[in-house]
N, C-alpha and C. Protein backbone atom coordinates (compact mmCIF):
# COMPACT_ATOMS: atom_id res chain seq x y z
N MET A 1 3.61 95.11 126.12
CA MET A 1 4.21 95.62 124.89
C MET A 1 5.51 96.34 125.24
N LYS A 2 6.62 95.94 124.58
CA LYS A 2 7.91 96.57 124.85
C LYS A 2 7.92 98.00 124.32
N ILE A 3 8.72 98.85 124.96
CA ILE A 3 8.76 100.25 124.58
C ILE A 3 9.18 100.43 123.13
N TYR A 4 10.11 99.61 122.64
CA TYR A 4 10.54 99.75 121.25
C TYR A 4 9.40 99.44 120.28
N LYS A 5 8.55 98.50 120.64
CA LYS A 5 7.40 98.19 119.80
C LYS A 5 6.42 99.35 119.79
N ILE A 6 6.23 99.99 120.92
CA ILE A 6 5.35 101.17 120.99
C ILE A 6 5.89 102.27 120.10
N LEU A 7 7.19 102.54 120.21
CA LEU A 7 7.81 103.60 119.41
C LEU A 7 7.73 103.29 117.92
N SER A 8 7.96 102.04 117.57
CA SER A 8 7.85 101.62 116.17
C SER A 8 6.44 101.88 115.65
N THR A 9 5.45 101.50 116.42
CA THR A 9 4.06 101.67 116.01
C THR A 9 3.71 103.13 115.80
N LEU A 10 4.20 103.99 116.67
CA LEU A 10 3.87 105.41 116.58
C LEU A 10 4.51 106.09 115.38
N LEU A 11 5.56 105.49 114.82
CA LEU A 11 6.22 106.07 113.64
C LEU A 11 5.68 105.50 112.33
N CYS A 12 4.72 104.60 112.40
CA CYS A 12 4.16 104.00 111.19
C CYS A 12 3.15 104.95 110.54
N TYR A 13 2.97 104.75 109.25
CA TYR A 13 1.98 105.53 108.50
C TYR A 13 0.60 105.32 109.12
N PRO A 14 -0.11 106.40 109.40
CA PRO A 14 -1.39 106.27 110.11
C PRO A 14 -2.49 105.66 109.25
N GLU A 15 -2.98 104.53 109.70
CA GLU A 15 -4.14 103.87 109.11
C GLU A 15 -5.20 103.74 110.20
N LEU A 16 -6.38 103.26 109.83
CA LEU A 16 -7.46 103.11 110.80
C LEU A 16 -7.05 102.19 111.94
N GLU A 17 -6.25 101.16 111.62
CA GLU A 17 -5.82 100.23 112.65
C GLU A 17 -4.98 100.92 113.71
N LEU A 18 -4.14 101.85 113.30
CA LEU A 18 -3.31 102.58 114.26
C LEU A 18 -4.17 103.48 115.14
N VAL A 19 -5.11 104.17 114.55
CA VAL A 19 -6.01 105.03 115.33
C VAL A 19 -6.79 104.19 116.34
N ALA A 20 -7.25 103.03 115.91
CA ALA A 20 -8.02 102.16 116.80
C ALA A 20 -7.17 101.60 117.93
N ALA A 21 -5.86 101.55 117.72
CA ALA A 21 -4.96 100.99 118.73
C ALA A 21 -4.52 101.99 119.78
N VAL A 22 -4.95 103.24 119.68
CA VAL A 22 -4.50 104.27 120.62
C VAL A 22 -4.81 103.90 122.08
N PRO A 23 -6.02 103.42 122.41
CA PRO A 23 -6.27 103.03 123.81
C PRO A 23 -5.30 101.95 124.30
N GLU A 24 -4.98 100.99 123.44
CA GLU A 24 -4.03 99.94 123.81
C GLU A 24 -2.65 100.52 124.04
N LEU A 25 -2.26 101.48 123.20
CA LEU A 25 -0.95 102.11 123.35
C LEU A 25 -0.88 102.93 124.63
N ARG A 26 -1.97 103.64 124.94
CA ARG A 26 -2.01 104.40 126.19
C ARG A 26 -1.87 103.46 127.39
N ALA A 27 -2.57 102.34 127.33
CA ALA A 27 -2.51 101.38 128.43
C ALA A 27 -1.11 100.79 128.56
N ALA A 28 -0.47 100.52 127.42
CA ALA A 28 0.88 99.95 127.45
C ALA A 28 1.89 100.92 128.05
N LEU A 29 1.66 102.22 127.86
CA LEU A 29 2.59 103.22 128.35
C LEU A 29 2.53 103.39 129.87
N VAL A 30 1.53 102.83 130.50
CA VAL A 30 1.43 102.91 131.96
C VAL A 30 2.67 102.33 132.63
N GLN A 31 3.26 101.32 132.02
CA GLN A 31 4.45 100.71 132.60
C GLN A 31 5.72 101.51 132.29
N TYR A 32 5.58 102.59 131.52
CA TYR A 32 6.72 103.46 131.20
C TYR A 32 6.36 104.91 131.52
N PRO A 33 6.11 105.23 132.78
CA PRO A 33 5.59 106.56 133.12
C PRO A 33 6.50 107.72 132.70
N LEU A 34 7.80 107.50 132.65
CA LEU A 34 8.72 108.56 132.27
C LEU A 34 8.58 108.96 130.81
N PHE A 35 7.98 108.08 130.01
CA PHE A 35 7.91 108.35 128.58
C PHE A 35 6.53 108.80 128.12
N VAL A 36 5.60 108.93 129.04
CA VAL A 36 4.24 109.33 128.67
C VAL A 36 4.23 110.75 128.11
N ALA A 37 4.87 111.69 128.79
CA ALA A 37 4.81 113.10 128.39
C ALA A 37 5.30 113.34 126.96
N PRO A 38 6.47 112.81 126.57
CA PRO A 38 6.92 113.09 125.19
C PRO A 38 6.09 112.40 124.11
N LEU A 39 5.39 111.33 124.47
CA LEU A 39 4.61 110.59 123.47
C LEU A 39 3.14 110.98 123.44
N LEU A 40 2.69 111.67 124.46
CA LEU A 40 1.28 112.05 124.57
C LEU A 40 0.80 112.88 123.37
N PRO A 41 1.60 113.85 122.87
CA PRO A 41 1.12 114.63 121.72
C PRO A 41 0.81 113.79 120.49
N ILE A 42 1.56 112.71 120.27
CA ILE A 42 1.28 111.84 119.12
C ILE A 42 -0.04 111.12 119.33
N LEU A 43 -0.24 110.59 120.52
CA LEU A 43 -1.48 109.86 120.81
C LEU A 43 -2.69 110.79 120.73
N ASP A 44 -2.56 112.00 121.27
CA ASP A 44 -3.66 112.97 121.21
C ASP A 44 -3.97 113.33 119.76
N ASP A 45 -2.91 113.49 118.96
CA ASP A 45 -3.09 113.82 117.55
C ASP A 45 -3.84 112.71 116.83
N LEU A 46 -3.49 111.46 117.12
CA LEU A 46 -4.14 110.32 116.48
C LEU A 46 -5.62 110.25 116.85
N GLU A 47 -5.94 110.61 118.07
CA GLU A 47 -7.33 110.54 118.54
C GLU A 47 -8.18 111.71 118.06
N CYS A 48 -7.56 112.87 117.91
CA CYS A 48 -8.34 114.09 117.69
C CYS A 48 -8.35 114.59 116.24
N SER A 49 -7.52 114.02 115.38
CA SER A 49 -7.42 114.50 114.00
C SER A 49 -8.11 113.55 113.03
N ASP A 50 -8.57 114.10 111.91
CA ASP A 50 -9.13 113.27 110.85
C ASP A 50 -8.02 112.43 110.24
N LEU A 51 -8.39 111.23 109.78
CA LEU A 51 -7.39 110.32 109.23
C LEU A 51 -6.68 110.94 108.03
N ILE A 52 -7.42 111.60 107.15
CA ILE A 52 -6.81 112.22 105.97
C ILE A 52 -5.78 113.26 106.40
N ASP A 53 -6.10 114.05 107.41
CA ASP A 53 -5.17 115.06 107.90
C ASP A 53 -3.92 114.41 108.49
N LEU A 54 -4.11 113.31 109.22
CA LEU A 54 -2.97 112.59 109.80
C LEU A 54 -2.05 112.07 108.70
N GLN A 55 -2.66 111.52 107.66
CA GLN A 55 -1.87 110.95 106.57
C GLN A 55 -1.13 112.03 105.80
N GLU A 56 -1.80 113.15 105.55
CA GLU A 56 -1.15 114.25 104.84
C GLU A 56 0.02 114.81 105.65
N LYS A 57 -0.19 114.94 106.96
CA LYS A 57 0.86 115.45 107.82
C LYS A 57 2.06 114.49 107.85
N TYR A 58 1.77 113.20 107.88
CA TYR A 58 2.84 112.19 107.91
C TYR A 58 3.67 112.26 106.63
N VAL A 59 2.99 112.31 105.48
CA VAL A 59 3.70 112.38 104.20
C VAL A 59 4.53 113.66 104.12
N GLN A 60 3.94 114.76 104.55
CA GLN A 60 4.66 116.03 104.52
C GLN A 60 5.89 115.98 105.41
N THR A 61 5.76 115.33 106.55
CA THR A 61 6.86 115.29 107.52
C THR A 61 7.99 114.38 107.07
N PHE A 62 7.65 113.17 106.66
CA PHE A 62 8.69 112.16 106.43
C PHE A 62 9.03 111.90 104.96
N ASP A 63 8.05 112.01 104.07
CA ASP A 63 8.31 111.67 102.67
C ASP A 63 8.76 112.87 101.85
N ARG A 64 8.36 114.07 102.27
CA ARG A 64 8.69 115.25 101.48
C ARG A 64 9.77 116.11 102.12
N SER A 65 10.33 115.64 103.20
CA SER A 65 11.41 116.37 103.86
C SER A 65 12.58 115.43 104.08
N PRO A 66 13.60 115.48 103.24
CA PRO A 66 14.75 114.58 103.39
C PRO A 66 15.40 114.66 104.77
N ALA A 67 15.34 115.82 105.40
CA ALA A 67 15.95 115.98 106.72
C ALA A 67 15.26 115.12 107.77
N HIS A 68 14.00 114.72 107.51
CA HIS A 68 13.24 113.90 108.45
C HIS A 68 13.14 112.44 108.00
N SER A 69 13.88 112.07 107.00
CA SER A 69 13.75 110.72 106.44
C SER A 69 13.86 109.65 107.52
N LEU A 70 13.00 108.64 107.43
CA LEU A 70 13.01 107.55 108.39
C LEU A 70 13.93 106.41 107.93
N HIS A 71 14.80 106.68 106.98
CA HIS A 71 15.79 105.70 106.55
C HIS A 71 17.15 106.14 107.11
N LEU A 72 17.63 105.37 108.07
CA LEU A 72 18.82 105.74 108.84
C LEU A 72 20.02 106.07 107.97
N PHE A 73 20.31 105.21 107.00
CA PHE A 73 21.55 105.36 106.25
C PHE A 73 21.51 106.51 105.26
N GLU A 74 20.33 107.03 104.97
CA GLU A 74 20.25 108.20 104.09
C GLU A 74 20.93 109.40 104.75
N HIS A 75 20.84 109.49 106.06
CA HIS A 75 21.45 110.61 106.77
C HIS A 75 22.96 110.44 106.94
N ILE A 76 23.44 109.20 106.84
CA ILE A 76 24.86 108.92 107.05
C ILE A 76 25.61 108.82 105.73
N HIS A 77 25.06 108.02 104.83
CA HIS A 77 25.77 107.74 103.58
C HIS A 77 25.13 108.42 102.37
N GLY A 78 23.93 109.00 102.55
CA GLY A 78 23.24 109.54 101.40
C GLY A 78 23.01 108.43 100.40
N GLU A 79 23.47 108.61 99.17
CA GLU A 79 23.35 107.57 98.15
C GLU A 79 24.74 107.11 97.69
N ASP A 80 25.70 107.28 98.56
CA ASP A 80 27.03 106.74 98.33
C ASP A 80 26.95 105.20 98.37
N ARG A 81 27.89 104.54 97.72
CA ARG A 81 27.87 103.08 97.65
C ARG A 81 27.98 102.44 99.02
N ALA A 82 28.57 103.15 99.99
CA ALA A 82 28.69 102.60 101.35
C ALA A 82 27.33 102.32 101.95
N ARG A 83 26.31 103.02 101.48
CA ARG A 83 24.96 102.80 102.00
C ARG A 83 24.48 101.39 101.70
N GLY A 84 24.81 100.89 100.50
CA GLY A 84 24.39 99.55 100.13
C GLY A 84 24.97 98.49 101.04
N GLN A 85 26.29 98.61 101.35
CA GLN A 85 26.91 97.62 102.21
C GLN A 85 26.37 97.71 103.63
N ALA A 86 26.13 98.92 104.11
CA ALA A 86 25.55 99.09 105.44
C ALA A 86 24.18 98.43 105.51
N MET A 87 23.42 98.55 104.42
CA MET A 87 22.09 97.94 104.36
C MET A 87 22.20 96.42 104.43
N VAL A 88 23.14 95.87 103.69
CA VAL A 88 23.33 94.42 103.69
C VAL A 88 23.76 93.94 105.07
N ASP A 89 24.65 94.68 105.72
CA ASP A 89 25.12 94.30 107.05
C ASP A 89 23.97 94.29 108.06
N LEU A 90 23.10 95.30 107.96
CA LEU A 90 21.97 95.36 108.88
C LEU A 90 20.99 94.21 108.61
N LEU A 91 20.78 93.91 107.36
CA LEU A 91 19.91 92.79 107.01
C LEU A 91 20.47 91.48 107.55
N GLU A 92 21.79 91.30 107.46
CA GLU A 92 22.42 90.10 108.02
C GLU A 92 22.27 90.05 109.54
N GLU A 93 22.33 91.21 110.18
CA GLU A 93 22.12 91.26 111.63
C GLU A 93 20.71 90.80 111.98
N TYR A 94 19.73 91.28 111.22
CA TYR A 94 18.35 90.84 111.43
C TYR A 94 18.24 89.31 111.30
N ARG A 95 18.80 88.80 110.23
CA ARG A 95 18.67 87.37 109.95
C ARG A 95 19.40 86.52 110.99
N SER A 96 20.52 87.03 111.50
CA SER A 96 21.29 86.27 112.49
C SER A 96 20.51 86.09 113.79
N HIS A 97 19.50 86.95 114.01
CA HIS A 97 18.65 86.84 115.20
C HIS A 97 17.29 86.24 114.87
N GLY A 98 17.15 85.72 113.65
CA GLY A 98 15.89 85.09 113.27
C GLY A 98 14.77 86.08 112.99
N PHE A 99 15.12 87.33 112.69
CA PHE A 99 14.12 88.36 112.43
C PHE A 99 13.91 88.46 110.93
N ASP A 100 12.75 88.01 110.46
CA ASP A 100 12.44 88.02 109.03
C ASP A 100 11.66 89.27 108.67
N LEU A 101 12.04 89.88 107.55
CA LEU A 101 11.36 91.08 107.09
C LEU A 101 10.11 90.69 106.30
N CYS A 102 8.95 91.01 106.85
CA CYS A 102 7.69 90.76 106.17
C CYS A 102 7.14 92.09 105.65
N THR A 103 7.99 92.81 104.95
CA THR A 103 7.63 94.15 104.48
C THR A 103 8.48 94.49 103.27
N ASP A 104 8.02 95.46 102.50
CA ASP A 104 8.80 95.93 101.35
C ASP A 104 9.77 97.04 101.74
N GLU A 105 9.75 97.45 103.00
CA GLU A 105 10.62 98.53 103.44
C GLU A 105 12.09 98.07 103.47
N LEU A 106 12.98 99.02 103.30
CA LEU A 106 14.41 98.74 103.40
C LEU A 106 14.79 98.46 104.85
N PRO A 107 15.87 97.75 105.08
CA PRO A 107 16.24 97.37 106.46
C PRO A 107 16.47 98.54 107.39
N ASP A 108 16.88 99.70 106.85
CA ASP A 108 17.21 100.83 107.72
C ASP A 108 16.01 101.73 108.04
N TYR A 109 14.81 101.28 107.68
CA TYR A 109 13.59 102.03 107.99
C TYR A 109 13.40 102.02 109.51
N VAL A 110 13.30 103.19 110.11
CA VAL A 110 13.33 103.30 111.57
C VAL A 110 12.26 102.45 112.27
N PRO A 111 11.00 102.47 111.85
CA PRO A 111 10.02 101.60 112.53
C PRO A 111 10.41 100.13 112.48
N LEU A 112 11.01 99.69 111.38
CA LEU A 112 11.45 98.31 111.27
C LEU A 112 12.62 98.03 112.21
N PHE A 113 13.56 98.96 112.25
CA PHE A 113 14.71 98.83 113.15
C PHE A 113 14.26 98.75 114.61
N LEU A 114 13.29 99.57 114.98
CA LEU A 114 12.79 99.56 116.36
C LEU A 114 12.02 98.28 116.67
N GLU A 115 11.29 97.79 115.69
CA GLU A 115 10.59 96.51 115.89
C GLU A 115 11.61 95.40 116.13
N PHE A 116 12.73 95.44 115.39
CA PHE A 116 13.79 94.46 115.61
C PHE A 116 14.34 94.58 117.03
N LEU A 117 14.59 95.80 117.50
CA LEU A 117 15.09 95.98 118.86
C LEU A 117 14.13 95.39 119.89
N SER A 118 12.85 95.43 119.60
CA SER A 118 11.85 94.91 120.55
C SER A 118 11.93 93.39 120.69
N THR A 119 12.61 92.74 119.74
CA THR A 119 12.73 91.28 119.81
C THR A 119 13.99 90.82 120.54
N LEU A 120 14.88 91.77 120.86
CA LEU A 120 16.15 91.43 121.49
C LEU A 120 16.05 91.54 123.00
N ASP A 121 17.01 90.95 123.69
CA ASP A 121 17.06 91.15 125.14
C ASP A 121 17.57 92.57 125.43
N ALA A 122 17.45 92.99 126.68
CA ALA A 122 17.74 94.38 127.03
C ALA A 122 19.17 94.78 126.70
N SER A 123 20.12 93.89 126.95
CA SER A 123 21.52 94.21 126.71
C SER A 123 21.81 94.40 125.23
N ALA A 124 21.31 93.49 124.40
CA ALA A 124 21.55 93.57 122.96
C ALA A 124 20.85 94.78 122.34
N SER A 125 19.63 95.06 122.77
CA SER A 125 18.89 96.19 122.20
C SER A 125 19.54 97.51 122.58
N ARG A 126 20.02 97.63 123.81
CA ARG A 126 20.70 98.86 124.24
C ARG A 126 21.99 99.07 123.46
N ALA A 127 22.73 98.01 123.24
CA ALA A 127 24.00 98.12 122.53
C ALA A 127 23.77 98.60 121.09
N LEU A 128 22.79 98.01 120.42
CA LEU A 128 22.53 98.39 119.03
C LEU A 128 21.92 99.79 118.95
N LEU A 129 21.09 100.13 119.91
CA LEU A 129 20.55 101.49 119.96
C LEU A 129 21.68 102.49 120.15
N GLY A 130 22.63 102.17 121.02
CA GLY A 130 23.77 103.06 121.23
C GLY A 130 24.58 103.28 119.97
N ASP A 131 24.69 102.23 119.14
CA ASP A 131 25.41 102.36 117.87
C ASP A 131 24.70 103.33 116.93
N ALA A 132 23.37 103.34 116.97
CA ALA A 132 22.59 104.13 116.02
C ALA A 132 22.12 105.47 116.56
N ILE A 133 22.42 105.77 117.81
CA ILE A 133 21.80 106.94 118.45
C ILE A 133 22.21 108.26 117.82
N ASP A 134 23.40 108.35 117.24
CA ASP A 134 23.82 109.61 116.63
C ASP A 134 22.86 110.03 115.52
N VAL A 135 22.54 109.10 114.64
CA VAL A 135 21.66 109.44 113.52
C VAL A 135 20.22 109.58 113.99
N LEU A 136 19.80 108.77 114.95
CA LEU A 136 18.43 108.90 115.49
C LEU A 136 18.24 110.26 116.16
N ALA A 137 19.22 110.69 116.92
CA ALA A 137 19.14 112.00 117.56
C ALA A 137 19.15 113.11 116.52
N HIS A 138 19.89 112.91 115.45
CA HIS A 138 19.94 113.89 114.37
C HIS A 138 18.55 114.11 113.78
N VAL A 139 17.85 113.01 113.50
CA VAL A 139 16.49 113.10 112.97
C VAL A 139 15.57 113.77 114.00
N GLY A 140 15.72 113.37 115.26
CA GLY A 140 14.90 113.96 116.31
C GLY A 140 15.09 115.46 116.43
N ASN A 141 16.32 115.91 116.30
CA ASN A 141 16.60 117.35 116.38
C ASN A 141 15.95 118.11 115.23
N LYS A 142 15.99 117.51 114.05
CA LYS A 142 15.35 118.15 112.89
C LYS A 142 13.84 118.23 113.08
N LEU A 143 13.25 117.17 113.61
CA LEU A 143 11.81 117.16 113.87
C LEU A 143 11.44 118.18 114.94
N SER A 144 12.28 118.27 115.96
CA SER A 144 12.03 119.24 117.03
C SER A 144 12.07 120.66 116.49
N SER A 145 13.03 120.94 115.61
CA SER A 145 13.16 122.28 115.04
C SER A 145 11.95 122.66 114.19
N SER A 146 11.30 121.65 113.60
CA SER A 146 10.13 121.92 112.77
C SER A 146 8.83 121.86 113.57
N GLY A 147 8.92 121.57 114.88
CA GLY A 147 7.74 121.54 115.73
C GLY A 147 6.89 120.31 115.55
N SER A 148 7.46 119.21 115.09
CA SER A 148 6.69 117.99 114.86
C SER A 148 6.48 117.21 116.16
N VAL A 149 5.28 116.65 116.32
CA VAL A 149 5.00 115.84 117.51
C VAL A 149 5.85 114.58 117.53
N PHE A 150 6.34 114.16 116.36
CA PHE A 150 7.10 112.92 116.29
C PHE A 150 8.47 113.01 116.96
N GLU A 151 8.90 114.21 117.27
CA GLU A 151 10.20 114.34 117.94
C GLU A 151 10.19 113.64 119.29
N GLY A 152 9.00 113.42 119.87
CA GLY A 152 8.92 112.74 121.15
C GLY A 152 9.45 111.32 121.11
N VAL A 153 9.25 110.63 119.99
CA VAL A 153 9.76 109.26 119.84
C VAL A 153 11.28 109.27 119.95
N PHE A 154 11.92 110.23 119.30
CA PHE A 154 13.37 110.27 119.28
C PHE A 154 13.94 110.78 120.60
N ALA A 155 13.17 111.59 121.31
CA ALA A 155 13.58 111.99 122.66
C ALA A 155 13.61 110.79 123.58
N VAL A 156 12.62 109.91 123.46
CA VAL A 156 12.59 108.69 124.27
C VAL A 156 13.79 107.81 123.93
N LEU A 157 14.10 107.70 122.65
CA LEU A 157 15.24 106.87 122.24
C LEU A 157 16.55 107.40 122.83
N GLN A 158 16.69 108.70 122.92
CA GLN A 158 17.89 109.26 123.55
C GLN A 158 17.93 108.91 125.03
N ASP A 159 16.78 108.92 125.68
CA ASP A 159 16.74 108.54 127.09
C ASP A 159 17.09 107.06 127.29
N LEU A 160 16.72 106.24 126.32
CA LEU A 160 16.98 104.81 126.42
C LEU A 160 18.42 104.44 126.06
N SER A 161 19.07 105.30 125.32
CA SER A 161 20.41 104.98 124.82
C SER A 161 21.43 104.92 125.95
N PRO A 162 22.37 103.96 125.89
CA PRO A 162 23.41 103.87 126.91
C PRO A 162 24.51 104.93 126.74
N VAL A 163 24.50 105.61 125.60
CA VAL A 163 25.52 106.65 125.34
C VAL A 163 24.83 107.91 124.84
N ALA A 164 25.46 109.05 125.07
CA ALA A 164 24.93 110.32 124.58
C ALA A 164 25.25 110.46 123.09
N PRO A 165 24.34 111.03 122.32
CA PRO A 165 24.59 111.16 120.88
C PRO A 165 25.62 112.23 120.57
N LYS A 166 26.32 112.03 119.48
CA LYS A 166 27.25 113.02 118.95
C LYS A 166 26.66 113.56 117.64
N PRO A 167 26.94 114.82 117.33
CA PRO A 167 26.36 115.39 116.11
C PRO A 167 26.94 114.76 114.86
N LEU A 168 26.09 114.67 113.83
CA LEU A 168 26.56 114.24 112.52
C LEU A 168 27.20 115.44 111.83
N THR A 169 28.40 115.27 111.35
CA THR A 169 29.13 116.41 110.79
C THR A 169 29.34 116.31 109.29
N GLN A 170 29.24 115.11 108.73
CA GLN A 170 29.52 114.94 107.31
C GLN A 170 28.22 114.81 106.54
N PRO A 171 27.95 115.73 105.60
CA PRO A 171 26.71 115.64 104.82
C PRO A 171 26.74 114.43 103.92
N PRO A 172 25.56 113.82 103.67
CA PRO A 172 25.50 112.63 102.82
C PRO A 172 25.75 112.97 101.36
N ILE A 173 26.25 111.99 100.62
CA ILE A 173 26.44 112.11 99.19
C ILE A 173 25.18 111.62 98.52
N ARG A 174 24.67 112.38 97.56
CA ARG A 174 23.43 111.99 96.90
C ARG A 174 23.72 111.75 95.43
N ASP A 175 24.09 110.53 95.10
CA ASP A 175 24.46 110.23 93.72
C ASP A 175 23.85 108.92 93.23
N MET A 176 22.65 108.59 93.70
CA MET A 176 22.01 107.34 93.29
C MET A 176 21.76 107.32 91.79
N ASP A 177 21.30 108.42 91.21
CA ASP A 177 21.04 108.45 89.77
C ASP A 177 22.31 108.16 88.99
N GLU A 178 23.41 108.77 89.43
CA GLU A 178 24.69 108.56 88.75
C GLU A 178 25.13 107.10 88.89
N ALA A 179 24.94 106.53 90.09
CA ALA A 179 25.35 105.14 90.32
C ALA A 179 24.54 104.18 89.44
N LEU A 180 23.23 104.42 89.36
CA LEU A 180 22.39 103.54 88.56
C LEU A 180 22.71 103.69 87.07
N GLU A 181 23.03 104.93 86.66
CA GLU A 181 23.39 105.15 85.26
C GLU A 181 24.70 104.45 84.93
N THR A 182 25.62 104.43 85.89
CA THR A 182 26.94 103.83 85.67
C THR A 182 26.89 102.32 85.75
N PHE A 183 26.21 101.79 86.80
CA PHE A 183 26.27 100.35 87.06
C PHE A 183 25.00 99.60 86.64
N GLY A 184 23.89 100.31 86.52
CA GLY A 184 22.65 99.65 86.17
C GLY A 184 22.17 98.72 87.26
N THR A 185 21.17 97.92 86.96
CA THR A 185 20.66 96.91 87.90
C THR A 185 21.10 95.53 87.44
N GLY A 186 21.05 94.59 88.35
CA GLY A 186 21.43 93.23 88.03
C GLY A 186 20.33 92.52 87.27
N MET A 187 20.60 91.26 86.90
CA MET A 187 19.61 90.46 86.17
C MET A 187 18.33 90.30 86.98
N ASP A 188 18.48 90.33 88.33
CA ASP A 188 17.32 90.15 89.20
C ASP A 188 16.62 91.46 89.50
N GLY A 189 17.11 92.56 88.93
CA GLY A 189 16.49 93.86 89.15
C GLY A 189 16.93 94.55 90.41
N VAL A 190 17.85 93.94 91.17
CA VAL A 190 18.31 94.53 92.42
C VAL A 190 19.34 95.60 92.11
N GLU A 191 19.20 96.74 92.75
CA GLU A 191 20.16 97.81 92.55
C GLU A 191 21.54 97.35 92.99
N PRO A 192 22.61 97.79 92.30
CA PRO A 192 23.96 97.34 92.65
C PRO A 192 24.35 97.75 94.05
N LEU A 193 23.77 98.82 94.57
CA LEU A 193 24.14 99.28 95.92
C LEU A 193 23.62 98.34 96.99
N LEU A 194 22.68 97.47 96.65
CA LEU A 194 22.07 96.61 97.66
C LEU A 194 22.52 95.16 97.55
N LYS A 195 23.55 94.90 96.73
CA LYS A 195 24.03 93.54 96.58
C LYS A 195 25.02 93.20 97.69
N PRO A 196 24.99 91.94 98.19
CA PRO A 196 25.94 91.53 99.22
C PRO A 196 27.37 91.64 98.71
N ALA A 197 28.29 91.89 99.63
CA ALA A 197 29.69 91.96 99.28
C ALA A 197 30.19 90.58 98.86
N MET A 198 31.06 90.55 97.86
CA MET A 198 31.60 89.29 97.38
C MET A 198 32.44 88.65 98.48
N GLY A 199 32.29 87.34 98.61
CA GLY A 199 33.13 86.61 99.55
C GLY A 199 32.63 86.63 100.97
N MET A 200 31.47 87.23 101.25
CA MET A 200 30.97 87.26 102.61
C MET A 200 30.03 86.09 102.81
N GLY A 201 30.39 85.16 103.67
CA GLY A 201 29.57 83.99 103.92
C GLY A 201 28.36 84.33 104.76
N SER A 202 27.43 83.38 104.82
CA SER A 202 26.20 83.63 105.57
C SER A 202 26.47 83.81 107.06
N ALA A 203 27.57 83.20 107.54
CA ALA A 203 27.88 83.32 108.96
C ALA A 203 28.75 84.53 109.25
N GLY A 204 29.25 85.17 108.19
CA GLY A 204 30.17 86.29 108.41
C GLY A 204 29.44 87.61 108.50
N VAL A 205 28.74 87.86 109.57
CA VAL A 205 28.00 89.09 109.74
C VAL A 205 28.97 90.23 109.99
N MET A 206 28.93 91.23 109.14
CA MET A 206 29.84 92.37 109.25
C MET A 206 29.28 93.38 110.25
N PRO A 207 30.17 94.17 110.88
CA PRO A 207 29.68 95.24 111.77
C PRO A 207 28.85 96.23 110.97
N ILE A 208 27.79 96.73 111.58
CA ILE A 208 26.91 97.67 110.89
C ILE A 208 27.53 99.06 110.96
N ASN A 209 27.64 99.70 109.80
CA ASN A 209 28.29 101.01 109.73
C ASN A 209 27.26 102.12 109.91
N PHE A 210 27.07 102.55 111.16
CA PHE A 210 26.16 103.66 111.44
C PHE A 210 26.89 104.99 111.40
N TYR A 211 28.10 104.99 110.84
CA TYR A 211 28.90 106.20 110.80
C TYR A 211 29.34 106.48 109.38
N ALA A 212 29.47 107.75 109.05
CA ALA A 212 29.95 108.10 107.73
C ALA A 212 31.40 107.70 107.57
N LYS A 213 31.77 107.31 106.34
CA LYS A 213 33.15 106.92 106.12
C LYS A 213 34.07 108.12 106.24
N ARG A 214 35.29 107.86 106.68
CA ARG A 214 36.26 108.95 106.85
C ARG A 214 36.78 109.39 105.49
N PRO A 215 37.00 110.71 105.33
CA PRO A 215 37.51 111.18 104.04
C PRO A 215 38.93 110.67 103.81
């Protein structure tokens, strides 16, 4: 099991299947001895806590705290229109590598992004991780400040990154309600922020914008 797949699994919502997979995850980590220590608290928590408690803690950590959101572009673009194009670009990147989304999650969902990295060769996965490391480290720092065991996943990602992260300095714009009120949804029900850019062909994969736009 590739390290990115392990990290993706550990960030997923805890179900019985995840708890049952802990022995397999421990065994898989044997080939990554440097990463055992930061990930051990998550595995211990999965083994020693009641499932309801695990689920409540997960929701409290990721769903009720915007600072810990597992959607990458929320930390960069907030609900600015640039988020929609970044989402489309990332989706095109997935498709260009034959990675099909078999989930209702948005493309920038961190477990999904990490699963995608697990399908790439080492060079490609490192390059894309390096592009995203600023925002991943940002989330990890917030989790660390709150004492969450999940910060270990993001610590490992920083160790794997070919570049050191830089701090995010521009706060996201949160205007989704205003955008939907202004533009509405399309005939297909898709939000306008998630529509492909006009004139972009299927072969024209745009660079993924993991950075906030300049003022």
